Amino acid sequence: MKKLSLFRTLVVFLFVTLPIIFYAQNIEAQIDALMSNQYKTNESGATILIAKEGSIVYRKAFGRANLEQNVAMIPENVFEIGSITKQFTAISILMLLEEGKLSLDDEITKYIPDYPTQNTKITIHHLLTHTSGIKSYTSLGSLNEYARKDLSPTELMDLFKNEPMDFTPGEEFRYNNSGYVILGYIIEKITDMPYADFIQKRIFTPLQMNNSYYGSKSKLINNRAMGYQKGNEGYLNANYISMTIPYAAGSLMSTVDDLLKWQRAVQNNDLISKESLQKAFSNYTLNNGNKINYGYGWSHNTIQGIPIIEHGGGIFGYTSQGIYIPSKNTYIIILTNCNCNSPSNIAYKIAAITIGKPYPTIAQAIQLSQPQLDKWVGAYKFEDGVIRVIMRKGNQLYSQRTDGNNEFAIFPLSENRFFFEDSFSEFIFTDGTPKSVLFKSNITESKGIATNEKLPEPKREIQLSSEILQKYIGIYELQPNFRIEITVENNQIFAQATNQPKIEIFAETENQFFLKVVPATLTFEIETQTKKPIRVTLTQNGKKMTGKKVK
């Protein structure tokens, strides 16, 4: 009987354990495939770490840490983490709050008496939440003029403090690096030590983050992953930037292992109390009560309806993305060494796979009859004024915006729920008088109501000679760290924005081009005497960005 009992126990163990092992191996294979496809062996690379329920479940490296020396990436490589730095600055402020050295409602003039607040009240809270209205210095066209200079915090503030305010504090949310520069300076004023020293002594050393640093281009750093960007001829070493320029908004360097130590310390309240952490993780509102989906150094989002806390980073030569899923006690961190290959989208996909809620695939789509599909055909006007038209071609529904030429296939998961391929975006239709549809893309939601408005005539492309197309070739800088490169191949013209794929554009006039994949136009300004383009204006979603030709 004992042998039989042991046999039964073993059988139960095998039937319970083997599916778990298979499930874990299946997840690993999916993540391997995603990462190796985006970060190829002989190209710039990435490191990734996934921790779940206190244990590391995935830790690997892909691609090259040094392309010139053909050095493979390893998980121990050190990267510049860009704006993930903001988490460290925010927690530092909360540490000082707990020590009674500041209040979140303090006006910044308490610490910088001569700061020109332009007849407004700007608080530490406004700085932390990107609602101050102060002009972000990285949006100024002059960044490249001083990027190589070593500036003190006060010299850095001098670059933007006299710029006009973008809005009254608390009225809008607009991502703002200037606010975190001011926070770094406030930390220095209160503690009487440089920001870099504070981070080292109060955070890195106590947490044994031994491979994390305030960024330095001259210091010898073991396992440094070299940073890259892409140009006309392929990879280039990243443009130089003094690490005094990103400062408390983006100056730190770290590894996936050290950032796991950081995340654990934050969630375990090793640095600040549970009450203070709640302040950091709260989803704050504007003066009108609308949520901004941002706390103190962390953004709010969802993956398949599961709330997440996340933040990415981008700096010359590097991009990063960290996602924390509180309800699943799961953390995903990806660091890369090229600003040409952002990990943001792939990090969301991997997070969804890790928690067992991957985005749907076409194989999961169900079959609906034509009458069932026709039920949702029509035009829907959304809250932002955009009209999306749902049309049927054969047994397939398509969505098209009235301000764009491209049609996107949507696939049914139920009679009223349809998803976009390779995306978390979906439509949920509701029958009624009138019909309505909810567009969801992670935390973003927008409702559309059926309307009789029609889809406008599509843009008509014209053919331009190769000679005309060739003159547009070059790089146009619309913002620091955001450029559009124009190339021509076989009498086709392409635009490639920073961290985006190359996209064909189509001539509407001799100097105006439109995109078919997204509703956007590029209009080139031609210099009268030379007849050559000197700048370009990108128009998208009702907004315009203009940049001059830099190469």
Protein backbone atom coordinates (compact mmCIF):
# COMPACT_ATOMS: atom_id res chain seq x y z
CA MET A 1 0.00 0.00 0.00
CA LYS A 2 2.84 2.38 0.76
CA LYS A 3 4.38 1.76 -2.67
CA LEU A 4 1.02 2.36 -4.35
CA SER A 5 0.52 5.53 -2.35
CA LEU A 6 4.00 6.73 -3.32
CA PHE A 7 3.25 5.93 -6.98
CA ARG A 8 0.03 7.93 -6.83
CA THR A 9 1.85 10.86 -5.23
CA LEU A 10 4.51 10.76 -7.93
CA VAL A 11 1.86 10.69 -10.68
CA VAL A 12 0.07 13.68 -9.16
CA PHE A 13 3.39 15.53 -8.85
CA LEU A 14 4.25 14.88 -12.48
CA PHE A 15 0.83 15.90 -13.77
CA VAL A 16 0.94 19.14 -11.75
CA THR A 17 4.59 20.03 -12.33
CA LEU A 18 5.11 19.19 -16.00
CA PRO A 19 2.48 21.63 -17.31
CA ILE A 20 4.08 24.39 -15.19
CA ILE A 21 7.52 23.61 -16.62
CA PHE A 22 6.11 23.47 -20.15
CA TYR A 23 4.28 26.76 -19.58
CA ALA A 24 7.49 28.46 -18.38
CA GLN A 25 9.48 27.09 -21.32
CA ASN A 26 6.79 28.27 -23.72
CA ILE A 27 6.91 31.78 -22.28
CA GLU A 28 10.71 31.81 -22.51
CA ALA A 29 10.56 30.73 -26.15
CA GLN A 30 8.08 33.50 -26.97
CA ILE A 31 10.25 36.14 -25.30
CA ASP A 32 13.39 34.77 -26.96
CA ALA A 33 11.71 35.07 -30.35
CA LEU A 34 10.56 38.66 -29.77
CA MET A 35 13.92 39.84 -28.43
CA SER A 36 16.14 38.08 -30.99
CA ASN A 37 13.98 39.40 -33.81
CA GLN A 38 14.30 43.01 -32.66
CA TYR A 39 17.89 42.88 -31.35
CA LYS A 40 19.82 40.84 -33.86
CA THR A 41 23.18 39.18 -33.20
CA ASN A 42 25.41 41.57 -35.16
CA GLU A 43 23.56 44.78 -34.39
CA SER A 44 23.12 47.05 -31.39
CA GLY A 45 21.59 45.12 -28.55
CA ALA A 46 19.69 44.95 -25.31
CA THR A 47 19.62 43.35 -21.91
CA ILE A 48 16.40 42.22 -20.28
CA LEU A 49 15.42 41.00 -16.85
CA ILE A 50 12.02 39.78 -15.66
CA ALA A 51 11.26 39.18 -11.98
CA LYS A 52 8.04 37.61 -10.75
CA GLU A 53 6.94 37.01 -7.17
CA GLY A 54 10.42 37.85 -5.90
CA SER A 55 12.35 35.58 -8.27
CA ILE A 56 14.19 36.27 -11.51
CA VAL A 57 12.43 34.24 -14.20
CA TYR A 58 14.23 35.60 -17.27
CA ARG A 59 17.60 37.33 -17.68
CA LYS A 60 19.37 37.52 -21.03
CA ALA A 61 21.34 39.71 -23.43
CA PHE A 62 21.02 40.15 -27.18
CA GLY A 63 23.09 41.83 -29.88
CA ARG A 64 26.37 43.69 -29.45
CA ALA A 65 27.65 45.90 -26.62
CA ASN A 66 30.43 47.24 -28.86
CA LEU A 67 30.03 47.08 -32.62
CA GLU A 68 33.56 48.25 -33.42
CA GLN A 69 35.17 45.58 -31.26
CA ASN A 70 32.48 42.98 -32.01
CA VAL A 71 31.79 42.47 -28.29
CA ALA A 72 28.65 40.52 -27.48
CA MET A 73 26.14 41.97 -25.06
CA ILE A 74 26.01 40.37 -21.60
CA PRO A 75 23.39 40.87 -18.86
CA GLU A 76 25.97 42.71 -16.74
CA ASN A 77 26.40 45.57 -19.25
CA VAL A 78 26.00 49.14 -17.98
CA PHE A 79 23.75 51.59 -19.87
CA GLU A 80 22.69 55.20 -19.62
CA ILE A 81 19.06 54.89 -18.48
CA GLY A 82 17.77 58.33 -19.49
CA SER A 83 14.51 59.40 -17.91
CA ILE A 84 14.24 56.41 -15.59
CA THR A 85 16.51 58.75 -13.60
CA LYS A 86 13.36 60.69 -12.72
CA GLN A 87 12.29 57.90 -10.37
CA PHE A 88 15.46 58.40 -8.34
CA THR A 89 14.93 62.15 -8.21
CA ALA A 90 11.30 61.75 -7.13
CA ILE A 91 12.15 59.25 -4.37
CA SER A 92 14.94 61.58 -3.18
CA ILE A 93 12.40 64.38 -2.83
CA LEU A 94 10.10 62.09 -0.85
CA MET A 95 12.99 61.06 1.40
CA LEU A 96 13.56 64.73 2.21
CA LEU A 97 9.81 65.14 2.75
CA GLU A 98 9.87 62.41 5.40
CA GLU A 99 12.83 64.12 7.06
CA GLY A 100 10.77 67.30 7.37
CA LYS A 101 13.08 69.27 5.08
CA LEU A 102 10.47 70.25 2.50
CA SER A 103 6.78 70.22 1.67
CA LEU A 104 5.32 69.16 -1.66
CA ASP A 105 3.30 72.38 -1.59
CA ASP A 106 6.42 74.53 -1.22
CA GLU A 107 6.77 77.11 -3.95
CA ILE A 108 10.02 76.80 -5.84
CA THR A 109 10.89 80.40 -4.92
CA LYS A 110 11.44 79.18 -1.35
CA TYR A 111 14.60 77.50 -2.64
CA ILE A 112 15.32 79.66 -5.70
CA PRO A 113 14.18 83.16 -4.65
CA ASP A 114 15.09 84.83 -7.94
CA TYR A 115 13.34 82.27 -10.20
CA PRO A 116 10.95 84.19 -12.51
CA THR A 117 7.61 82.39 -11.96
CA GLN A 118 5.81 84.91 -14.21
CA ASN A 119 3.06 85.71 -11.70
CA THR A 120 2.20 82.05 -11.10
CA LYS A 121 2.54 79.70 -8.13
CA ILE A 122 4.80 76.77 -9.04
CA THR A 123 5.15 74.06 -6.40
CA ILE A 124 7.35 70.99 -5.98
CA HIS A 125 4.24 68.93 -6.74
CA HIS A 126 3.92 70.68 -10.11
CA LEU A 127 7.53 69.85 -10.94
CA LEU A 128 7.13 66.18 -10.02
CA THR A 129 3.97 65.76 -12.12
CA HIS A 130 5.00 67.72 -15.25
CA THR A 131 2.20 70.21 -14.66
CA SER A 132 4.32 73.31 -13.90
CA GLY A 133 3.97 74.97 -17.30
CA ILE A 134 7.71 75.71 -17.35
CA LYS A 135 9.26 75.37 -20.81
CA SER A 136 11.17 72.10 -21.15
CA TYR A 137 14.74 72.91 -22.16
CA THR A 138 14.97 69.79 -24.33
CA SER A 139 12.23 71.24 -26.54
CA LEU A 140 14.33 74.29 -27.35
CA GLY A 141 16.08 74.17 -30.70
CA SER A 142 19.36 75.26 -29.11
CA LEU A 143 20.08 71.98 -27.28
CA ASN A 144 22.77 70.84 -29.70
CA GLU A 145 24.55 74.17 -29.25
CA TYR A 146 25.33 73.42 -25.60
CA ALA A 147 25.02 69.61 -25.41
CA ARG A 148 28.81 69.23 -25.25
CA LYS A 149 29.29 71.86 -22.56
CA ASP A 150 29.65 71.13 -18.85
CA LEU A 151 27.05 73.32 -17.15
CA SER A 152 26.24 73.84 -13.49
CA PRO A 153 22.60 73.40 -12.43
CA THR A 154 22.15 77.18 -12.27
CA GLU A 155 23.62 77.59 -15.75
CA LEU A 156 21.30 74.88 -16.97
CA MET A 157 18.30 76.69 -15.45
CA ASP A 158 19.41 79.91 -17.11
CA LEU A 159 18.69 78.24 -20.46
CA PHE A 160 14.95 78.04 -19.82
CA LYS A 161 13.91 80.13 -16.83
CA ASN A 162 13.11 83.24 -18.89
CA GLU A 163 11.19 81.36 -21.59
CA PRO A 164 7.43 82.05 -21.72
CA MET A 165 5.32 79.64 -19.69
CA ASP A 166 3.54 76.97 -21.73
CA PHE A 167 0.44 77.14 -19.50
CA THR A 168 -0.72 78.07 -16.00
CA PRO A 169 0.51 75.53 -13.41
CA GLY A 170 -1.91 72.65 -12.98
CA GLU A 171 -3.87 73.38 -16.16
CA GLU A 172 -2.12 70.83 -18.39
CA PHE A 173 0.20 67.85 -18.33
CA ARG A 174 3.24 68.25 -20.57
CA TYR A 175 6.32 66.07 -20.10
CA ASN A 176 9.02 68.39 -18.86
CA ASN A 177 12.73 67.84 -18.22
CA SER A 178 13.19 71.35 -16.82
CA GLY A 179 11.04 70.50 -13.81
CA TYR A 180 13.34 67.66 -12.81
CA VAL A 181 16.41 69.85 -13.25
CA ILE A 182 14.90 72.24 -10.71
CA LEU A 183 14.13 69.31 -8.39
CA GLY A 184 17.78 68.23 -8.58
CA TYR A 185 18.88 71.73 -7.66
CA ILE A 186 16.42 71.83 -4.73
CA ILE A 187 17.93 68.56 -3.46
CA GLU A 188 21.37 70.19 -3.60
CA LYS A 189 20.17 73.34 -1.80
CA ILE A 190 18.56 71.37 1.03
CA THR A 191 21.31 68.78 1.55
CA ASP A 192 24.31 70.96 0.73
CA MET A 193 25.76 68.21 -1.46
CA PRO A 194 25.84 67.64 -5.23
CA TYR A 195 22.93 65.66 -6.66
CA ALA A 196 25.35 62.94 -7.81
CA ASP A 197 26.72 62.54 -4.27
CA PHE A 198 23.24 62.38 -2.76
CA ILE A 199 22.18 59.60 -5.12
CA GLN A 200 25.39 57.69 -4.44
CA LYS A 201 25.34 58.03 -0.64
CA ARG A 202 21.63 57.75 0.02
CA ILE A 203 20.56 55.25 -2.66
CA PHE A 204 23.29 53.43 -4.61
CA THR A 205 25.52 52.57 -1.65
CA PRO A 206 22.82 51.47 0.84
CA LEU A 207 21.13 49.33 -1.83
CA GLN A 208 24.47 47.90 -2.99
CA MET A 209 23.81 49.10 -6.51
CA ASN A 210 27.49 48.69 -7.20
CA ASN A 211 27.22 49.01 -10.97
CA SER A 212 25.17 52.20 -11.00
CA TYR A 213 26.64 55.66 -11.47
CA TYR A 214 25.99 59.28 -12.15
CA GLY A 215 26.84 59.27 -15.85
CA SER A 216 30.36 59.98 -17.04
CA LYS A 217 31.91 59.87 -20.49
CA SER A 218 35.49 59.98 -19.18
CA LYS A 219 35.37 57.57 -16.24
CA LEU A 220 36.35 53.95 -16.90
CA ILE A 221 33.21 51.91 -16.27
CA ASN A 222 33.43 48.12 -16.39
CA ASN A 223 31.07 46.52 -18.90
CA ARG A 224 29.92 49.84 -20.37
CA ALA A 225 27.71 49.22 -23.41
CA MET A 226 28.67 51.76 -26.07
CA GLY A 227 25.88 53.96 -27.37
CA TYR A 228 24.92 54.21 -31.05
CA GLN A 229 22.63 55.98 -33.46
CA LYS A 230 21.85 55.38 -37.12
CA GLY A 231 22.73 57.55 -40.09
CA ASN A 232 22.62 57.30 -43.88
CA GLU A 233 25.38 54.70 -43.92
CA GLY A 234 24.18 52.66 -40.95
CA TYR A 235 25.42 52.73 -37.36
CA LEU A 236 27.34 55.69 -35.93
CA ASN A 237 28.73 56.34 -32.48
CA ALA A 238 26.14 58.38 -30.57
CA ASN A 239 26.51 62.15 -30.48
CA TYR A 240 28.39 63.33 -27.40
CA ILE A 241 26.42 64.92 -24.59
CA SER A 242 27.87 66.15 -21.30
CA MET A 243 26.14 64.33 -18.47
CA THR A 244 25.65 67.66 -16.73
CA ILE A 245 22.96 68.41 -19.32
CA PRO A 246 20.44 65.62 -18.49
CA TYR A 247 21.34 66.05 -14.78
CA ALA A 248 18.51 65.02 -12.42
CA ALA A 249 16.18 64.42 -15.39
CA GLY A 250 18.24 61.72 -17.10
CA SER A 251 21.90 61.37 -16.08
CA LEU A 252 22.13 57.99 -14.36
CA MET A 253 23.69 54.72 -15.55
CA SER A 254 22.79 51.24 -14.38
CA THR A 255 22.26 47.56 -15.17
CA VAL A 256 19.16 45.37 -15.24
CA ASP A 257 20.32 43.69 -12.00
CA ASP A 258 20.81 46.96 -10.15
CA LEU A 259 17.47 48.27 -11.37
CA LEU A 260 15.82 45.16 -9.94
CA LYS A 261 17.46 46.03 -6.58
CA TRP A 262 16.04 49.53 -7.00
CA GLN A 263 12.53 48.29 -7.79
CA ARG A 264 12.55 45.87 -4.85
CA ALA A 265 13.74 48.60 -2.48
CA VAL A 266 10.97 50.91 -3.67
CA GLN A 267 8.16 48.39 -3.36
CA ASN A 268 9.49 47.02 -0.03
CA ASN A 269 9.62 50.53 1.47
CA ASP A 270 13.35 50.35 2.16
CA LEU A 271 13.84 54.02 1.26
CA ILE A 272 10.49 55.66 2.01
CA SER A 273 7.33 54.71 3.88
CA LYS A 274 4.28 53.05 2.41
CA GLU A 275 2.43 56.37 2.68
CA SER A 276 5.13 58.23 0.75
CA LEU A 277 5.28 55.51 -1.90
CA GLN A 278 1.55 55.94 -2.38
CA LYS A 279 2.27 59.57 -3.24
CA ALA A 280 4.78 58.47 -5.86
CA PHE A 281 2.40 55.91 -7.37
CA SER A 282 -0.78 58.02 -7.29
CA ASN A 283 -2.48 59.05 -10.51
CA TYR A 284 -2.76 62.81 -10.16
CA THR A 285 -5.25 65.21 -11.68
CA LEU A 286 -5.26 68.62 -13.31
CA ASN A 287 -7.07 71.61 -11.85
CA ASN A 288 -10.19 70.49 -13.72
CA GLY A 289 -10.10 67.01 -12.20
CA ASN A 290 -8.91 65.14 -15.30
CA LYS A 291 -6.36 62.43 -14.57
CA ILE A 292 -2.88 62.85 -16.04
CA ASN A 293 -1.84 59.17 -15.77
CA TYR A 294 1.37 60.20 -14.03
CA GLY A 295 2.59 60.15 -10.46
CA TYR A 296 6.02 61.22 -9.21
CA GLY A 297 8.53 59.72 -11.67
CA TRP A 298 6.22 56.90 -12.78
CA SER A 299 3.54 56.76 -15.49
CA HIS A 300 0.22 54.95 -15.17
CA ASN A 301 -0.97 52.58 -17.87
CA THR A 302 -2.73 49.24 -18.31
CA ILE A 303 -1.98 45.99 -20.10
CA GLN A 304 -5.09 44.02 -21.02
CA GLY A 305 -6.95 45.83 -18.25
CA ILE A 306 -4.25 45.19 -15.61
CA PRO A 307 -2.88 48.44 -14.07
CA ILE A 308 0.85 48.99 -14.41
CA ILE A 309 3.38 51.59 -13.25
CA GLU A 310 6.06 52.29 -15.83
CA HIS A 311 8.61 54.68 -17.28
CA GLY A 312 10.93 54.74 -20.24
CA GLY A 313 14.05 56.67 -21.06
CA GLY A 314 15.88 57.99 -24.08
CA ILE A 315 19.21 59.77 -24.35
CA PHE A 316 21.88 60.06 -27.02
CA GLY A 317 22.70 56.43 -27.88
CA TYR A 318 20.43 54.65 -25.40
CA THR A 319 16.77 53.79 -24.74
CA SER A 320 15.14 51.98 -21.82
CA GLN A 321 11.80 50.78 -20.52
CA GLY A 322 10.77 49.55 -17.07
CA ILE A 323 7.33 48.14 -16.21
CA TYR A 324 6.05 47.19 -12.75
CA ILE A 325 2.78 45.27 -12.40
CA PRO A 326 1.77 45.58 -8.73
CA SER A 327 -1.07 43.01 -8.74
CA LYS A 328 1.25 40.38 -10.23
CA ASN A 329 4.39 41.48 -8.35
CA THR A 330 6.16 41.47 -11.71
CA TYR A 331 8.92 43.72 -13.01
CA ILE A 332 10.28 43.93 -16.56
CA ILE A 333 13.31 46.06 -17.41
CA ILE A 334 14.93 46.39 -20.87
CA LEU A 335 18.03 48.51 -21.59
CA THR A 336 19.34 49.16 -25.11
CA ASN A 337 22.43 50.80 -26.61
CA CYS A 338 20.96 52.59 -29.64
CA ASN A 339 18.39 55.35 -29.77
CA CYS A 340 17.29 53.72 -33.04
CA ASN A 341 15.64 50.69 -31.45
CA SER A 342 13.29 51.61 -28.62
CA PRO A 343 12.16 48.76 -26.32
CA SER A 344 8.85 50.38 -25.34
CA ASN A 345 6.48 48.38 -27.53
CA ILE A 346 8.26 45.06 -27.07
CA ALA A 347 8.33 45.59 -23.30
CA TYR A 348 4.53 45.82 -23.26
CA LYS A 349 4.22 42.64 -25.31
CA ILE A 350 6.63 40.78 -23.05
CA ALA A 351 4.86 42.02 -19.92
CA ALA A 352 1.55 40.76 -21.31
CA ILE A 353 3.05 37.35 -22.11
CA THR A 354 4.64 37.14 -18.65
CA ILE A 355 1.34 37.64 -16.83
CA GLY A 356 -0.52 35.29 -19.16
CA LYS A 357 -2.46 37.98 -21.03
CA PRO A 358 -0.79 38.27 -24.44
CA TYR A 359 -2.27 40.47 -27.13
CA PRO A 360 -4.70 38.56 -29.37
CA THR A 361 -3.57 37.04 -32.66
CA ILE A 362 -5.46 36.53 -35.90
CA ALA A 363 -5.64 32.82 -35.10
CA GLN A 364 -7.91 33.70 -32.16
CA ALA A 365 -10.37 35.64 -34.31
CA ILE A 366 -13.82 34.12 -34.67
CA GLN A 367 -15.96 33.91 -37.81
CA LEU A 368 -18.95 36.24 -38.10
CA SER A 369 -21.60 36.35 -40.79
CA GLN A 370 -21.87 39.31 -43.14
CA PRO A 371 -25.06 40.55 -41.42
CA GLN A 372 -23.23 40.40 -38.08
CA LEU A 373 -20.37 42.44 -39.56
CA ASP A 374 -22.69 44.90 -41.33
CA LYS A 375 -24.24 45.75 -37.99
CA TRP A 376 -21.21 47.91 -37.16
CA VAL A 377 -20.55 49.43 -40.60
CA GLY A 378 -20.73 53.23 -40.62
CA ALA A 379 -19.00 56.41 -39.51
CA TYR A 380 -18.31 57.22 -35.84
CA LYS A 381 -17.35 60.64 -34.50
CA PHE A 382 -15.01 60.56 -31.51
CA GLU A 383 -14.50 62.97 -28.63
CA ASP A 384 -11.41 64.53 -30.24
CA GLY A 385 -13.37 65.30 -33.41
CA VAL A 386 -11.80 62.50 -35.44
CA ILE A 387 -14.16 60.41 -37.55
CA ARG A 388 -13.43 56.74 -38.08
CA VAL A 389 -15.29 54.86 -40.77
CA ILE A 390 -15.94 51.12 -40.38
CA MET A 391 -16.39 49.37 -43.73
CA ARG A 392 -16.78 45.79 -44.87
CA LYS A 393 -14.92 44.21 -47.79
CA GLY A 394 -15.95 40.62 -48.24
CA ASN A 395 -15.86 39.00 -44.81
CA GLN A 396 -13.41 41.54 -43.35
CA LEU A 397 -14.06 44.78 -41.47
CA TYR A 398 -11.69 47.72 -41.84
CA SER A 399 -11.23 50.95 -39.91
CA GLN A 400 -10.14 54.19 -41.56
CA ARG A 401 -9.76 57.67 -40.12
CA THR A 402 -11.18 60.51 -42.18
CA ASP A 403 -7.84 62.33 -41.93
CA GLY A 404 -5.82 59.37 -43.19
CA ASN A 405 -5.55 57.20 -46.26
CA ASN A 406 -4.71 53.88 -44.66
CA GLU A 407 -7.22 51.17 -43.87
CA PHE A 408 -6.61 48.86 -40.90
CA ALA A 409 -8.16 45.41 -40.72
CA ILE A 410 -9.97 44.63 -37.48
CA PHE A 411 -10.70 41.10 -36.30
CA PRO A 412 -13.58 39.85 -34.11
CA LEU A 413 -13.10 38.24 -30.71
CA SER A 414 -16.86 38.35 -30.14
CA GLU A 415 -19.88 39.78 -31.95
CA ASN A 416 -19.06 43.30 -30.77
CA ARG A 417 -15.36 43.26 -29.86
CA PHE A 418 -12.70 43.66 -32.58
CA PHE A 419 -8.92 44.01 -32.32
CA PHE A 420 -6.12 45.41 -34.47
CA GLU A 421 -3.41 42.98 -35.56
CA ASP A 422 -0.22 42.92 -33.43
CA SER A 423 -1.65 45.54 -31.09
CA PHE A 424 -3.44 46.10 -27.80
CA SER A 425 -5.86 48.47 -29.57
CA GLU A 426 -9.46 47.37 -29.94
CA PHE A 427 -13.02 48.48 -30.71
CA ILE A 428 -15.97 47.56 -28.51
CA PHE A 429 -19.26 48.31 -30.30
CA THR A 430 -22.60 48.96 -28.61
CA ASP A 431 -25.95 48.70 -30.36
CA GLY A 432 -28.41 51.47 -29.71
CA THR A 433 -29.86 54.70 -31.05
CA PRO A 434 -27.40 55.85 -32.13
CA LYS A 435 -24.76 53.10 -32.26
CA SER A 436 -21.50 53.78 -30.46
CA VAL A 437 -18.01 52.35 -30.23
CA LEU A 438 -15.33 52.49 -27.56
CA PHE A 439 -11.75 52.66 -28.81
CA LYS A 440 -9.28 51.27 -26.26
CA SER A 441 -5.50 51.24 -26.42
CA ASN A 442 -4.07 50.29 -23.03
CA ILE A 443 -5.16 53.03 -20.61
CA THR A 444 -6.39 55.34 -23.39
CA GLU A 445 -10.12 55.25 -24.13
CA SER A 446 -12.24 57.31 -26.48
CA LYS A 447 -15.92 56.96 -27.38
CA GLY A 448 -17.33 57.40 -30.86
CA ILE A 449 -20.97 58.01 -31.75
CA ALA A 450 -22.50 57.01 -35.09
CA THR A 451 -22.74 59.95 -37.50
CA ASN A 452 -23.88 60.59 -41.05
CA GLU A 453 -20.63 62.34 -41.97
CA LYS A 454 -18.83 60.71 -44.88
CA LEU A 455 -15.24 59.77 -45.54
CA PRO A 456 -13.59 62.56 -47.56
CA GLU A 457 -11.99 61.94 -50.90
CA PRO A 458 -8.59 60.28 -50.45
CA LYS A 459 -5.45 62.28 -51.12
CA ARG A 460 -4.22 61.88 -54.66
CA GLU A 461 -0.55 61.30 -55.22
CA ILE A 462 1.42 62.79 -58.08
CA GLN A 463 4.62 61.55 -59.64
CA LEU A 464 7.77 63.63 -59.21
CA SER A 465 11.02 63.23 -61.08
CA SER A 466 13.99 61.59 -59.43
CA GLU A 467 15.81 64.92 -59.60
CA ILE A 468 13.14 66.64 -57.53
CA LEU A 469 12.98 63.83 -54.99
CA GLN A 470 16.75 63.77 -54.57
CA LYS A 471 16.87 67.35 -53.32
CA TYR A 472 14.88 66.43 -50.20
CA ILE A 473 17.43 63.83 -49.04
CA GLY A 474 18.86 64.68 -45.63
CA ILE A 475 18.18 64.86 -41.90
CA TYR A 476 15.76 67.35 -40.37
CA GLU A 477 15.78 68.00 -36.62
CA LEU A 478 12.32 68.77 -35.26
CA GLN A 479 13.31 68.49 -31.60
CA PRO A 480 16.41 67.40 -29.72
CA ASN A 481 16.56 63.60 -30.01
CA PHE A 482 13.80 63.66 -32.65
CA ARG A 483 14.83 63.76 -36.28
CA ILE A 484 13.34 62.76 -39.60
CA GLU A 485 15.67 61.32 -42.22
CA ILE A 486 14.59 61.49 -45.86
CA THR A 487 15.99 58.93 -48.30
CA VAL A 488 15.25 58.02 -51.93
CA GLU A 489 15.38 54.52 -53.42
CA ASN A 490 14.35 53.59 -56.97
CA ASN A 491 12.39 56.81 -57.41
CA GLN A 492 10.53 56.22 -54.12
CA ILE A 493 10.95 58.64 -51.24
CA PHE A 494 10.98 57.53 -47.59
CA ALA A 495 10.86 59.20 -44.18
CA GLN A 496 12.30 57.66 -41.01
CA ALA A 497 11.69 59.32 -37.66
CA THR A 498 13.88 58.65 -34.63
CA ASN A 499 13.16 55.17 -33.20
CA GLN A 500 10.62 54.49 -35.97
CA PRO A 501 10.71 52.31 -39.09
CA LYS A 502 11.29 53.73 -42.56
CA ILE A 503 7.96 54.70 -44.20
CA GLU A 504 7.23 55.59 -47.81
CA ILE A 505 5.77 59.06 -48.34
CA PHE A 506 3.78 60.25 -51.35
CA ALA A 507 3.82 63.58 -53.17
CA GLU A 508 0.64 65.64 -53.09
CA THR A 509 2.38 68.71 -54.50
CA GLU A 510 6.01 69.32 -55.35
CA ASN A 511 6.88 70.20 -51.75
CA GLN A 512 4.12 68.48 -49.74
CA PHE A 513 4.02 64.76 -49.02
CA PHE A 514 1.59 62.56 -47.12
CA LEU A 515 1.82 59.23 -45.32
CA LYS A 516 -0.61 56.41 -45.93
CA VAL A 517 0.08 54.40 -42.77
CA VAL A 518 -0.81 57.29 -40.45
CA PRO A 519 -2.65 60.58 -41.02
CA ALA A 520 0.31 62.94 -41.35
CA THR A 521 1.93 65.27 -43.87
CA LEU A 522 5.44 66.62 -44.42
CA THR A 523 5.74 70.07 -45.98
CA PHE A 524 9.18 71.26 -47.07
CA GLU A 525 10.17 74.92 -47.11
CA ILE A 526 12.34 75.79 -50.10
CA GLU A 527 14.97 78.50 -49.94
CA THR A 528 14.25 81.02 -52.67
CA GLN A 529 17.76 81.50 -54.04
CA THR A 530 19.23 77.99 -53.78
CA LYS A 531 15.91 76.21 -54.51
CA LYS A 532 16.89 73.70 -51.81
CA PRO A 533 14.85 72.63 -48.76
CA ILE A 534 15.87 74.32 -45.52
CA ARG A 535 13.24 72.95 -43.11
CA VAL A 536 10.25 70.64 -42.89
CA THR A 537 6.94 70.81 -41.02
CA LEU A 538 5.30 67.64 -39.73
CA THR A 539 1.53 67.94 -39.33
CA GLN A 540 -0.16 65.16 -37.37
CA ASN A 541 -3.24 64.99 -35.14
CA GLY A 542 -3.82 68.71 -35.59
CA LYS A 543 -0.35 69.60 -34.30
CA LYS A 544 2.64 70.96 -36.19
CA MET A 545 6.36 70.51 -35.58
CA THR A 546 8.94 72.34 -37.67
CA GLY A 547 12.63 71.53 -37.89
CA LYS A 548 15.55 72.73 -39.94
CA LYS A 549 17.70 70.61 -42.18
CA VAL A 550 20.88 69.73 -40.28
CA LYS A 551 22.59 67.36 -42.71
